[in-house]
Amino acid sequence: MNDFTNLLVEIRHLNNCPEGFLPLHAPVFSGQEREYVLDAIDSTYVSSVGAYVDRFEAMLRDITGAGWAVACVNGTAALQVALVLAGVKPGDLVITQALSFVATANAIRHAGAEPVFLDVEVDTLGLAPSALRTFLENSAEKKADGCRHRDSGRRIAACVPMHTFGFPCRVDELIAICQEWSIPLVEDAAEALGSLYKGRPCGRFGRLGTFSFNGNKVVTTGGGGAIITDDEELGVRAKHVTTTAKRPHRWEFYHDEVAWNFRLPNLNAALGCAQLERLDDFVACKRDLAARYQRLFAETPWCFLVEPANSRALYWLCAVLFRDRTERDAFLVASNDAGIMTRPVWEPLSTLPGFAECLRGDLPVTLDIADRLVNLPSGVRPG
């Protein structure tokens, strides 16, 4: 039986939390958040129209280098809309990874499609290019109208890799495969604002990319998300369909199609603007914490996961692999009993009741990671 006492003491030390509850990831409001939110309140523009929404989108364009950024009410809504804009239609198939938060699969279903779950790589925790190529070569065929699943005849309308915990996946390799098979790629970068792959921000590689600004993300708007793209037509359309497809007019209410009310409120955007001003500081602090964890776990039999090659990872959530599920569970019990919040990785999406009947490839890495991975406290350290 492992005694984790000394390790837990060191985890507290690294997080500047010698006693009390140590959360997994808590927001830090040490900038202009209060000032901006009160200003939004004083302006009376607190819903989806306001100066802070415009400012938030402009800041996202500057940070990512994207031509267009459209703020949404949450990351799931952003991904759903991005999939529809990429051409996904009801009844289509969308390839994604089995190791992801449920929002990835939910967004695919909300778009009317069905996910296909493939395996991940152990070093990136993202969709494995080898798994994608194998599935397409064994189960798909190229048709005049795109890529079709051979057995069912259903169209494979998109591929959605997710940058897990802010670790960039090998998105350039995935894009090359998708281009060969005429499949649009949409990046789920919900956890990767501030991460770079080969010097380029995550979210900028696919036809569209999406982010989340939930309360546990590196930058939060309370609840929020965004779509980014370099395609002007898609950017204009994203803003239109997330704003009830209302044609601009000083007083008329004319909506030219069925659409969504998915715009981010100005009040939330005000909070987000102050948060984005601190993004570089937040990322630097989180990367410093990850380096400290790496040194700590180098003296243990367990494997702290480090950023993949050609990447600068955000380390949204730091992660360690234990040797087996029994050892993992013992650490989860010991740490949470000690007031240190840790958690296992998500249950593989292919095992959840709502998705158990979906198509899938072989998932050896996904199932192994799900048995052994633990997320460590990964917030921006005070002091």
Protein backbone atom coordinates (compact mmCIF):
# COMPACT_ATOMS: atom_id res chain seq x y z
CA MET A 1 0.00 0.00 0.00
CA ASN A 2 1.36 3.42 -0.99
CA ASP A 3 1.74 6.18 1.59
CA PHE A 4 1.02 9.42 -0.22
CA THR A 5 1.48 11.67 2.82
CA ASN A 6 4.76 13.29 1.77
CA LEU A 7 3.60 13.70 -1.81
CA LEU A 8 0.43 15.48 -0.70
CA VAL A 9 2.45 17.83 1.50
CA GLU A 10 4.60 18.73 -1.50
CA ILE A 11 1.53 19.28 -3.69
CA ARG A 12 0.22 21.77 -1.14
CA HIS A 13 3.60 23.47 -1.03
CA LEU A 14 3.79 23.84 -4.81
CA ASN A 15 0.33 25.41 -4.82
CA ASN A 16 1.04 27.81 -1.91
CA CYS A 17 -1.82 26.23 0.03
CA PRO A 18 -0.44 24.79 3.29
CA GLU A 19 -3.88 24.07 4.73
CA GLY A 20 -7.57 24.19 3.88
CA PHE A 21 -9.26 23.10 0.67
CA LEU A 22 -7.09 23.08 -2.45
CA PRO A 23 -9.35 23.21 -5.55
CA LEU A 24 -8.57 21.62 -8.88
CA HIS A 25 -8.79 24.91 -10.78
CA ALA A 26 -10.30 28.14 -9.45
CA PRO A 27 -10.62 31.45 -11.31
CA VAL A 28 -8.36 34.35 -10.35
CA PHE A 29 -9.83 37.86 -10.44
CA SER A 30 -6.87 40.14 -9.80
CA GLY A 31 -7.23 42.62 -12.65
CA GLN A 32 -9.96 44.97 -13.86
CA GLU A 33 -12.82 42.46 -13.59
CA ARG A 34 -14.85 44.39 -11.02
CA GLU A 35 -14.34 47.73 -12.80
CA TYR A 36 -15.39 46.38 -16.19
CA VAL A 37 -18.42 44.48 -14.89
CA LEU A 38 -19.67 47.52 -12.97
CA ASP A 39 -19.13 49.64 -16.07
CA ALA A 40 -21.26 47.19 -18.08
CA ILE A 41 -23.97 47.37 -15.43
CA ASP A 42 -23.87 51.18 -15.45
CA SER A 43 -24.18 51.17 -19.23
CA THR A 44 -27.45 49.13 -18.91
CA TYR A 45 -26.23 47.00 -21.84
CA VAL A 46 -25.95 43.70 -20.05
CA SER A 47 -27.30 41.27 -22.65
CA SER A 48 -25.92 40.25 -26.05
CA VAL A 49 -25.36 43.77 -27.40
CA GLY A 50 -22.67 45.94 -25.91
CA ALA A 51 -19.20 47.39 -26.23
CA TYR A 52 -17.56 44.65 -24.18
CA VAL A 53 -18.77 41.91 -26.55
CA ASP A 54 -17.13 43.74 -29.45
CA ARG A 55 -13.98 44.32 -27.40
CA PHE A 56 -13.83 40.67 -26.27
CA GLU A 57 -14.06 39.45 -29.86
CA ALA A 58 -11.37 41.92 -30.96
CA MET A 59 -9.08 40.72 -28.18
CA LEU A 60 -9.60 37.10 -29.24
CA ARG A 61 -8.69 38.00 -32.82
CA ASP A 62 -5.51 39.68 -31.61
CA ILE A 63 -4.54 36.78 -29.33
CA THR A 64 -5.20 34.01 -31.85
CA GLY A 65 -4.45 35.85 -35.07
CA ALA A 66 -7.80 34.69 -36.48
CA GLY A 67 -9.64 36.83 -38.99
CA TRP A 68 -12.96 36.40 -37.20
CA ALA A 69 -14.01 35.69 -33.62
CA VAL A 70 -17.62 35.27 -32.54
CA ALA A 71 -18.43 35.09 -28.83
CA CYS A 72 -21.05 32.52 -27.80
CA VAL A 73 -22.96 31.63 -24.66
CA ASN A 74 -20.79 28.54 -24.00
CA GLY A 75 -18.30 26.22 -25.61
CA THR A 76 -20.84 23.52 -26.45
CA ALA A 77 -22.98 25.98 -28.38
CA ALA A 78 -19.90 27.29 -30.17
CA LEU A 79 -18.91 23.80 -31.30
CA GLN A 80 -22.45 22.94 -32.38
CA VAL A 81 -22.68 26.05 -34.56
CA ALA A 82 -19.17 25.50 -35.95
CA LEU A 83 -20.12 21.99 -37.04
CA VAL A 84 -23.24 23.22 -38.79
CA LEU A 85 -21.25 25.97 -40.51
CA ALA A 86 -18.71 23.33 -41.61
CA GLY A 87 -21.54 21.54 -43.41
CA VAL A 88 -22.65 18.90 -40.90
CA LYS A 89 -26.27 17.86 -41.46
CA PRO A 90 -28.70 15.60 -39.58
CA GLY A 91 -27.83 11.95 -40.08
CA ASP A 92 -24.16 12.58 -40.84
CA LEU A 93 -21.22 11.01 -39.02
CA VAL A 94 -18.56 13.11 -37.28
CA ILE A 95 -15.24 11.59 -36.25
CA THR A 96 -13.86 12.53 -32.85
CA GLN A 97 -11.85 11.02 -30.01
CA ALA A 98 -13.22 8.75 -27.32
CA LEU A 99 -11.25 10.56 -24.61
CA SER A 100 -12.89 13.96 -24.25
CA PHE A 101 -15.36 15.86 -22.11
CA VAL A 102 -18.95 14.95 -22.95
CA ALA A 103 -19.58 18.40 -24.49
CA THR A 104 -17.66 17.32 -27.61
CA ALA A 105 -20.06 14.46 -28.29
CA ASN A 106 -23.10 16.47 -27.15
CA ALA A 107 -22.34 19.21 -29.68
CA ILE A 108 -22.14 16.63 -32.46
CA ARG A 109 -25.53 15.24 -31.44
CA HIS A 110 -27.02 18.75 -31.13
CA ALA A 111 -25.96 19.32 -34.73
CA GLY A 112 -28.04 16.26 -35.67
CA ALA A 113 -25.07 14.01 -36.37
CA GLU A 114 -23.62 10.91 -34.70
CA PRO A 115 -20.08 10.72 -33.32
CA VAL A 116 -17.55 8.08 -34.34
CA PHE A 117 -15.08 7.47 -31.52
CA LEU A 118 -11.41 6.82 -32.29
CA ASP A 119 -8.34 6.33 -30.11
CA VAL A 120 -5.92 8.93 -28.78
CA GLU A 121 -2.14 9.13 -28.49
CA VAL A 122 -0.50 8.70 -25.11
CA ASP A 123 1.79 11.72 -25.48
CA THR A 124 -0.78 14.26 -26.74
CA LEU A 125 -3.97 12.68 -25.34
CA GLY A 126 -5.51 13.88 -28.61
CA LEU A 127 -6.93 12.11 -31.64
CA ALA A 128 -4.30 9.76 -33.07
CA PRO A 129 -3.55 10.35 -36.77
CA SER A 130 -2.82 6.63 -37.12
CA ALA A 131 -6.28 5.77 -35.75
CA LEU A 132 -7.92 8.23 -38.12
CA ARG A 133 -6.10 6.88 -41.16
CA THR A 134 -6.79 3.26 -40.22
CA PHE A 135 -10.50 3.91 -39.73
CA LEU A 136 -10.87 5.72 -43.04
CA GLU A 137 -8.89 3.14 -45.01
CA ASN A 138 -10.83 0.24 -43.49
CA SER A 139 -14.32 1.74 -43.21
CA ALA A 140 -14.74 4.66 -45.62
CA GLU A 141 -14.79 5.36 -49.33
CA LYS A 142 -14.42 8.47 -51.42
CA LYS A 143 -17.52 9.54 -53.32
CA ALA A 144 -18.39 12.47 -55.56
CA ASP A 145 -20.22 14.15 -52.67
CA GLY A 146 -17.44 13.54 -50.14
CA CYS A 147 -16.47 10.76 -47.79
CA ARG A 148 -18.95 7.99 -47.00
CA HIS A 149 -18.98 5.26 -44.37
CA ARG A 150 -18.81 2.07 -46.42
CA ASP A 151 -21.25 -0.12 -44.47
CA SER A 152 -23.98 2.43 -43.74
CA GLY A 153 -23.55 4.81 -46.66
CA ARG A 154 -23.69 7.76 -44.26
CA ARG A 155 -21.62 10.81 -45.02
CA ILE A 156 -18.58 11.47 -42.81
CA ALA A 157 -19.08 15.21 -42.60
CA ALA A 158 -16.38 16.44 -40.19
CA CYS A 159 -13.53 15.52 -37.89
CA VAL A 160 -13.26 17.06 -34.40
CA PRO A 161 -9.97 16.59 -32.54
CA MET A 162 -9.77 18.00 -29.01
CA HIS A 163 -6.64 19.53 -27.47
CA THR A 164 -6.87 17.67 -24.16
CA PHE A 165 -5.86 19.63 -21.03
CA GLY A 166 -4.26 22.19 -23.34
CA PHE A 167 -1.87 19.63 -24.89
CA PRO A 168 -1.86 20.30 -28.65
CA CYS A 169 -2.67 17.25 -30.73
CA ARG A 170 -0.91 16.58 -34.03
CA VAL A 171 -3.46 18.67 -35.84
CA ASP A 172 -1.37 19.23 -38.97
CA GLU A 173 -1.17 15.48 -39.57
CA LEU A 174 -4.91 15.15 -38.96
CA ILE A 175 -5.63 17.95 -41.43
CA ALA A 176 -3.49 16.29 -44.09
CA ILE A 177 -5.48 13.06 -43.72
CA CYS A 178 -8.80 14.91 -43.70
CA GLN A 179 -7.90 16.83 -46.86
CA GLU A 180 -7.06 13.56 -48.58
CA TRP A 181 -10.56 12.32 -47.73
CA SER A 182 -12.42 15.66 -48.24
CA ILE A 183 -13.43 15.93 -44.58
CA PRO A 184 -13.57 19.39 -42.92
CA LEU A 185 -11.70 19.61 -39.62
CA VAL A 186 -13.13 21.62 -36.72
CA GLU A 187 -10.87 22.08 -33.69
CA ASP A 188 -12.28 21.68 -30.19
CA ALA A 189 -9.81 24.01 -28.47
CA ALA A 190 -12.02 24.45 -25.40
CA GLU A 191 -9.09 23.74 -23.07
CA ALA A 192 -6.28 25.22 -25.14
CA LEU A 193 -6.45 29.02 -25.22
CA GLY A 194 -2.80 30.00 -24.85
CA SER A 195 -1.38 26.73 -26.23
CA LEU A 196 0.75 26.72 -29.36
CA TYR A 197 1.52 23.98 -31.86
CA LYS A 198 4.56 24.64 -34.05
CA GLY A 199 4.33 28.28 -33.00
CA ARG A 200 0.69 28.71 -34.03
CA PRO A 201 -2.23 29.08 -31.59
CA CYS A 202 -4.50 26.08 -31.14
CA GLY A 203 -7.84 26.69 -32.81
CA ARG A 204 -6.23 28.21 -35.91
CA PHE A 205 -5.55 25.03 -37.88
CA GLY A 206 -9.00 23.77 -38.84
CA ARG A 207 -11.71 25.37 -40.92
CA LEU A 208 -13.12 26.64 -37.64
CA GLY A 209 -11.98 26.44 -34.02
CA THR A 210 -13.89 26.78 -30.77
CA PHE A 211 -13.08 27.78 -27.20
CA SER A 212 -14.73 27.54 -23.78
CA PHE A 213 -14.65 30.20 -21.06
CA ASN A 214 -16.32 28.17 -18.33
CA GLY A 215 -15.48 29.02 -14.72
CA ASN A 216 -12.70 26.42 -14.59
CA LYS A 217 -10.88 27.53 -17.75
CA VAL A 218 -7.68 29.60 -17.80
CA VAL A 219 -9.79 32.61 -18.82
CA THR A 220 -13.42 32.72 -17.75
CA THR A 221 -16.48 34.74 -18.61
CA GLY A 222 -18.50 32.78 -16.05
CA GLY A 223 -19.95 30.74 -18.88
CA GLY A 224 -19.06 31.41 -22.47
CA GLY A 225 -17.42 30.22 -25.64
CA ALA A 226 -16.24 31.44 -29.02
CA ILE A 227 -15.85 30.45 -32.66
CA ILE A 228 -12.79 31.56 -34.61
CA THR A 229 -12.11 31.26 -38.32
CA ASP A 230 -10.09 32.86 -41.10
CA ASP A 231 -12.98 32.43 -43.54
CA GLU A 232 -14.86 35.73 -43.83
CA GLU A 233 -18.04 34.09 -45.10
CA LEU A 234 -18.10 31.66 -42.16
CA GLY A 235 -17.28 34.44 -39.68
CA VAL A 236 -20.11 36.66 -40.89
CA ARG A 237 -22.51 33.73 -40.90
CA ALA A 238 -21.45 32.61 -37.40
CA LYS A 239 -22.34 36.01 -36.00
CA HIS A 240 -25.64 36.08 -37.90
CA VAL A 241 -26.94 32.65 -36.90
CA THR A 242 -25.89 33.00 -33.25
CA THR A 243 -27.88 36.27 -33.09
CA THR A 244 -31.26 34.79 -34.09
CA ALA A 245 -30.54 35.53 -37.79
CA LYS A 246 -31.86 39.05 -37.29
CA ARG A 247 -31.11 41.44 -40.12
CA PRO A 248 -29.60 44.66 -38.79
CA HIS A 249 -32.15 47.47 -38.60
CA ARG A 250 -32.87 50.26 -36.17
CA TRP A 251 -36.36 48.99 -35.31
CA GLU A 252 -37.53 46.11 -37.51
CA PHE A 253 -37.42 42.49 -36.35
CA TYR A 254 -36.84 40.48 -39.50
CA HIS A 255 -35.19 37.06 -39.11
CA ASP A 256 -34.25 35.45 -42.42
CA GLU A 257 -33.79 31.85 -41.19
CA VAL A 258 -34.21 29.56 -38.21
CA ALA A 259 -31.22 30.21 -35.98
CA TRP A 260 -30.00 30.38 -32.38
CA ASN A 261 -29.87 32.88 -29.54
CA PHE A 262 -26.32 31.89 -28.62
CA ARG A 263 -24.57 35.26 -28.20
CA LEU A 264 -22.43 36.01 -25.15
CA PRO A 265 -23.98 38.63 -22.83
CA ASN A 266 -22.14 41.94 -22.49
CA LEU A 267 -21.92 41.44 -18.73
CA ASN A 268 -20.00 38.20 -19.19
CA ALA A 269 -17.84 39.73 -21.91
CA ALA A 270 -16.82 42.51 -19.53
CA LEU A 271 -15.44 39.90 -17.13
CA GLY A 272 -13.75 38.15 -20.04
CA CYS A 273 -11.99 41.28 -21.29
CA ALA A 274 -10.29 41.73 -17.92
CA GLN A 275 -9.36 38.06 -17.90
CA LEU A 276 -7.86 38.15 -21.39
CA GLU A 277 -5.66 41.03 -20.29
CA ARG A 278 -4.02 38.58 -17.85
CA LEU A 279 -3.78 35.59 -20.19
CA ASP A 280 0.01 35.72 -20.64
CA ASP A 281 0.54 35.92 -16.87
CA PHE A 282 -1.87 33.06 -16.25
CA VAL A 283 -0.16 30.83 -18.83
CA ALA A 284 3.31 31.62 -17.45
CA CYS A 285 2.19 30.78 -13.91
CA LYS A 286 0.58 27.50 -14.98
CA ARG A 287 3.64 26.46 -16.96
CA ASP A 288 5.82 27.22 -13.93
CA LEU A 289 3.58 25.03 -11.76
CA ALA A 290 3.82 22.23 -14.34
CA ALA A 291 7.63 22.43 -14.28
CA ARG A 292 7.55 22.12 -10.49
CA TYR A 293 5.25 19.10 -10.72
CA GLN A 294 7.56 17.53 -13.27
CA ARG A 295 10.52 17.80 -10.89
CA LEU A 296 8.43 16.46 -8.01
CA PHE A 297 7.17 13.38 -9.86
CA ALA A 298 10.61 12.64 -11.32
CA GLU A 299 11.41 11.26 -7.86
CA THR A 300 8.40 8.92 -7.87
CA PRO A 301 7.39 5.79 -9.82
CA TRP A 302 4.58 7.75 -11.50
CA CYS A 303 4.64 9.58 -14.82
CA PHE A 304 3.86 13.29 -14.98
CA LEU A 305 2.67 14.15 -18.48
CA VAL A 306 4.74 16.82 -20.23
CA GLU A 307 3.94 18.88 -23.30
CA PRO A 308 4.27 17.04 -26.62
CA ALA A 309 7.05 17.78 -29.11
CA ASN A 310 6.67 20.97 -31.18
CA SER A 311 4.28 22.42 -28.60
CA ARG A 312 3.97 25.05 -25.96
CA ALA A 313 1.21 23.68 -23.76
CA LEU A 314 -1.03 25.73 -21.52
CA TYR A 315 -1.16 22.86 -18.97
CA TRP A 316 -4.78 23.75 -18.28
CA LEU A 317 -4.93 20.66 -16.08
CA CYS A 318 -1.75 18.91 -15.02
CA ALA A 319 -1.93 15.14 -15.20
CA VAL A 320 -0.06 12.15 -13.82
CA LEU A 321 -0.29 8.48 -14.80
CA PHE A 322 -0.30 5.88 -12.05
CA ARG A 323 0.72 2.29 -12.69
CA ASP A 324 -2.78 0.82 -12.50
CA ARG A 325 -6.36 1.63 -11.57
CA THR A 326 -5.97 0.39 -7.98
CA GLU A 327 -3.06 2.74 -7.35
CA ARG A 328 -4.90 5.59 -9.05
CA ASP A 329 -7.99 5.08 -6.90
CA ALA A 330 -5.90 4.94 -3.72
CA PHE A 331 -4.37 8.32 -4.59
CA LEU A 332 -7.78 9.81 -5.39
CA VAL A 333 -9.10 8.74 -2.01
CA ALA A 334 -6.04 9.92 -0.09
CA SER A 335 -5.83 13.31 -1.80
CA ASN A 336 -9.52 14.17 -1.62
CA ASP A 337 -9.69 12.98 2.01
CA ALA A 338 -6.84 15.42 2.68
CA GLY A 339 -8.76 18.34 1.16
CA ILE A 340 -6.77 18.32 -2.08
CA MET A 341 -9.10 18.11 -5.04
CA THR A 342 -7.96 15.62 -7.67
CA ARG A 343 -10.03 13.76 -10.22
CA PRO A 344 -9.75 10.96 -12.77
CA VAL A 345 -10.01 11.69 -16.46
CA TRP A 346 -13.48 11.52 -17.98
CA GLU A 347 -15.14 8.20 -18.63
CA PRO A 348 -14.53 7.32 -22.30
CA LEU A 349 -17.39 8.75 -24.35
CA SER A 350 -17.97 5.38 -25.99
CA THR A 351 -18.98 3.92 -22.61
CA LEU A 352 -21.61 6.53 -21.74
CA PRO A 353 -25.29 5.52 -22.07
CA GLY A 354 -26.10 8.17 -24.67
CA PHE A 355 -23.27 7.10 -26.97
CA ALA A 356 -22.74 3.39 -26.28
CA GLU A 357 -24.19 2.36 -29.66
CA CYS A 358 -22.05 4.73 -31.73
CA LEU A 359 -19.39 3.55 -34.15
CA ARG A 360 -15.89 3.26 -32.75
CA GLY A 361 -12.44 2.03 -33.58
CA ASP A 362 -10.13 0.06 -31.33
CA LEU A 363 -9.47 2.08 -28.17
CA PRO A 364 -6.51 0.54 -26.29
CA VAL A 365 -4.82 3.83 -25.36
CA THR A 366 -8.09 5.51 -24.36
CA LEU A 367 -9.04 2.68 -22.02
CA ASP A 368 -5.56 2.49 -20.51
CA ILE A 369 -5.41 6.25 -19.88
CA ALA A 370 -8.90 6.21 -18.38
CA ASP A 371 -7.75 3.63 -15.84
CA ARG A 372 -4.59 5.43 -14.73
CA LEU A 373 -4.78 9.21 -15.17
CA VAL A 374 -5.33 11.73 -12.38
CA ASN A 375 -5.62 15.50 -12.75
CA LEU A 376 -3.78 17.53 -10.11
CA PRO A 377 -4.60 20.99 -8.71
CA SER A 378 -3.68 23.28 -11.61
CA GLY A 379 -4.88 26.75 -10.80
CA VAL A 380 -2.92 29.98 -10.96
CA ARG A 381 -1.03 30.02 -7.68
CA PRO A 382 -1.54 32.99 -5.36
CA GLY A 383 1.44 34.89 -3.97
